[in-house]
Protein backbone atom coordinates (compact mmCIF):
# COMPACT_ATOMS: atom_id res chain seq x y z
CA MET A 1 14.64 40.35 25.85
CA THR A 2 13.30 38.76 22.66
CA PRO A 3 11.52 41.22 20.38
CA GLN A 4 7.83 40.60 19.84
CA THR A 5 6.84 39.21 16.48
CA ALA A 6 3.51 39.17 14.71
CA GLU A 7 2.36 38.08 11.29
CA TYR A 8 -0.75 38.16 9.15
CA GLU A 9 -1.95 37.45 5.65
CA ILE A 10 -4.34 39.24 3.30
CA THR A 11 -5.70 37.61 0.15
CA ARG A 12 -7.30 39.72 -2.57
CA HIS A 13 -8.57 39.06 -6.09
CA PHE A 14 -8.41 41.73 -8.77
CA ASP A 15 -10.31 41.88 -12.04
CA ALA A 16 -7.10 42.66 -13.93
CA PRO A 17 -4.31 40.67 -15.58
CA ARG A 18 -1.34 39.77 -13.40
CA GLU A 19 1.04 41.93 -15.46
CA LEU A 20 -1.07 45.00 -14.65
CA VAL A 21 -1.16 44.20 -10.93
CA TRP A 22 2.62 43.65 -11.03
CA ALA A 23 3.06 47.03 -12.74
CA ALA A 24 0.98 48.69 -10.00
CA TRP A 25 3.56 47.41 -7.49
CA THR A 26 6.68 48.15 -9.54
CA GLU A 27 6.10 51.33 -11.58
CA PRO A 28 6.21 54.60 -9.59
CA GLU A 29 3.51 56.24 -11.75
CA ARG A 30 1.06 53.46 -10.94
CA PHE A 31 2.23 52.89 -7.34
CA SER A 32 1.59 56.56 -6.51
CA ARG A 33 -2.10 56.18 -7.41
CA TRP A 34 -2.91 53.66 -4.68
CA PHE A 35 -0.17 53.43 -2.05
CA GLY A 36 -1.08 54.98 1.28
CA PRO A 37 -4.24 55.89 3.14
CA ARG A 38 -6.85 58.01 1.37
CA MET A 39 -6.04 61.10 3.45
CA LEU A 40 -2.43 61.15 2.16
CA THR A 41 -0.81 61.26 -1.25
CA ALA A 42 2.29 59.50 -2.54
CA PRO A 43 3.73 61.94 -5.10
CA VAL A 44 5.44 60.06 -7.93
CA GLY A 45 8.55 62.22 -7.50
CA ARG A 46 8.87 60.95 -3.91
CA ILE A 47 8.83 57.25 -4.86
CA THR A 48 11.81 54.99 -5.59
CA LEU A 49 11.17 51.41 -6.73
CA ASP A 50 14.50 49.78 -7.64
CA THR A 51 12.89 46.37 -8.20
CA ARG A 52 15.85 44.02 -8.10
CA PRO A 53 17.25 41.93 -5.25
CA GLY A 54 19.13 44.38 -3.02
CA GLY A 55 17.34 47.37 -4.58
CA ILE A 56 15.71 50.02 -2.41
CA TRP A 57 12.05 50.95 -2.31
CA ARG A 58 10.95 54.21 -0.71
CA ALA A 59 7.68 56.15 -0.66
CA THR A 60 7.05 59.43 1.11
CA LEU A 61 3.42 60.00 2.01
CA VAL A 62 2.38 63.65 2.16
CA GLY A 63 -0.56 65.20 3.99
CA GLU A 64 -1.91 68.54 5.09
CA GLU A 65 0.11 71.14 6.98
CA GLY A 66 3.43 69.72 5.83
CA PHE A 67 2.94 66.22 7.26
CA GLU A 68 5.30 63.63 5.74
CA ALA A 69 5.99 59.98 6.52
CA THR A 70 8.55 57.92 4.63
CA LEU A 71 8.33 54.14 4.35
CA ASP A 72 11.22 52.18 2.90
CA GLY A 73 13.07 48.92 2.72
CA THR A 74 15.00 46.58 0.47
CA TYR A 75 13.85 44.08 -2.13
CA ARG A 76 14.95 40.56 -1.26
CA GLU A 77 13.33 38.65 -4.11
CA VAL A 78 11.90 39.82 -7.43
CA ALA A 79 10.39 37.16 -9.72
CA GLU A 80 8.28 38.98 -12.31
CA PRO A 81 5.30 38.64 -12.37
CA GLU A 82 4.88 35.96 -9.69
CA ARG A 83 6.54 37.14 -6.48
CA LEU A 84 7.90 40.15 -4.58
CA VAL A 85 9.67 39.93 -1.24
CA PHE A 86 10.77 43.15 0.46
CA THR A 87 11.51 44.54 3.88
CA THR A 88 10.14 47.51 5.73
CA GLY A 89 12.88 48.92 7.86
CA ASP A 90 15.70 46.46 8.63
CA PRO A 91 14.31 43.25 10.17
CA ASP A 92 17.84 41.82 10.50
CA ASN A 93 18.92 44.77 12.69
CA PRO A 94 15.70 46.55 13.71
CA GLY A 95 16.93 48.45 16.74
CA GLU A 96 13.94 49.50 18.81
CA GLY A 97 11.52 50.14 15.97
CA PRO A 98 9.19 47.80 14.11
CA ALA A 99 10.48 46.16 10.94
CA SER A 100 9.09 43.42 8.74
CA VAL A 101 9.39 41.15 5.74
CA VAL A 102 6.58 41.25 3.18
CA THR A 103 6.01 38.41 0.72
CA ILE A 104 3.51 38.87 -2.12
CA ASP A 105 2.56 36.03 -4.45
CA PHE A 106 0.58 36.80 -7.61
CA SER A 107 -1.42 34.12 -9.45
CA GLU A 108 -3.50 34.44 -12.59
CA ALA A 109 -6.60 32.64 -13.78
CA ASP A 110 -8.93 33.69 -16.60
CA GLY A 111 -7.32 37.13 -16.89
CA LYS A 112 -7.83 37.90 -13.19
CA THR A 113 -5.19 38.07 -10.47
CA GLY A 114 -5.04 36.55 -7.03
CA MET A 115 -2.69 38.29 -4.60
CA ARG A 116 -1.50 36.71 -1.35
CA PHE A 117 0.17 39.28 0.93
CA HIS A 118 2.04 38.02 4.01
CA GLN A 119 3.80 40.28 6.51
CA TYR A 120 6.03 39.09 9.34
CA GLY A 121 6.98 41.81 11.80
CA VAL A 122 9.87 42.11 14.25
CA ASN A 123 9.43 44.41 17.29
CA THR A 124 5.75 44.25 16.39
CA ASP A 125 3.09 43.66 19.01
CA PRO A 126 -0.35 42.32 18.04
CA ALA A 127 -1.96 45.78 18.23
CA HIS A 128 0.61 47.24 15.82
CA ALA A 129 0.10 44.27 13.47
CA GLU A 130 -3.67 44.84 13.47
CA GLN A 131 -3.15 48.53 12.62
CA ALA A 132 -0.76 47.57 9.80
CA LYS A 133 -3.22 45.00 8.45
CA ALA A 134 -6.03 47.58 8.49
CA GLY A 135 -3.76 50.05 6.68
CA TRP A 136 -2.78 47.56 3.96
CA THR A 137 -6.45 46.58 3.56
CA GLU A 138 -7.27 50.23 2.79
CA PHE A 139 -4.30 50.42 0.39
CA PHE A 140 -5.58 47.31 -1.42
CA ASP A 141 -9.08 48.82 -1.69
CA ARG A 142 -7.41 51.75 -3.46
CA LEU A 143 -5.40 49.32 -5.62
CA ALA A 144 -8.64 47.61 -6.71
CA GLU A 145 -10.09 51.02 -7.66
CA HIS A 146 -6.92 51.87 -9.61
CA LEU A 147 -7.08 48.58 -11.51
CA ALA A 148 -10.81 48.89 -12.34
């Protein structure tokens, strides 16, 4: 059986220079301020961002009553400050679980940043993709607040 695939794109514009948006994606202290849904935190001590091709990224989201969820993957491409490509899980060998490749392109005009986020998921049905898109949209709302 062929695994289901789904993909989507989110485009956002931030009133911040591209270098600052890049730093929000690549520096644990900044990443911890916006990554995850509002009801969870991403403690800086639980974040790894080894931003080089082959480097690992990992973020543990923490909630009430001991809830924890860890998201991780590997950087495939790092072209500061224009492009990040990373995986979630292992899309080349996903097993039964969902995995994906995320590509983010950053553009700058007049001191503001355009961000194009594209996610392609393996073992991902359309409903899961819609949930992921809604989650990232909330994350990016928090990113905009962090950059303001």
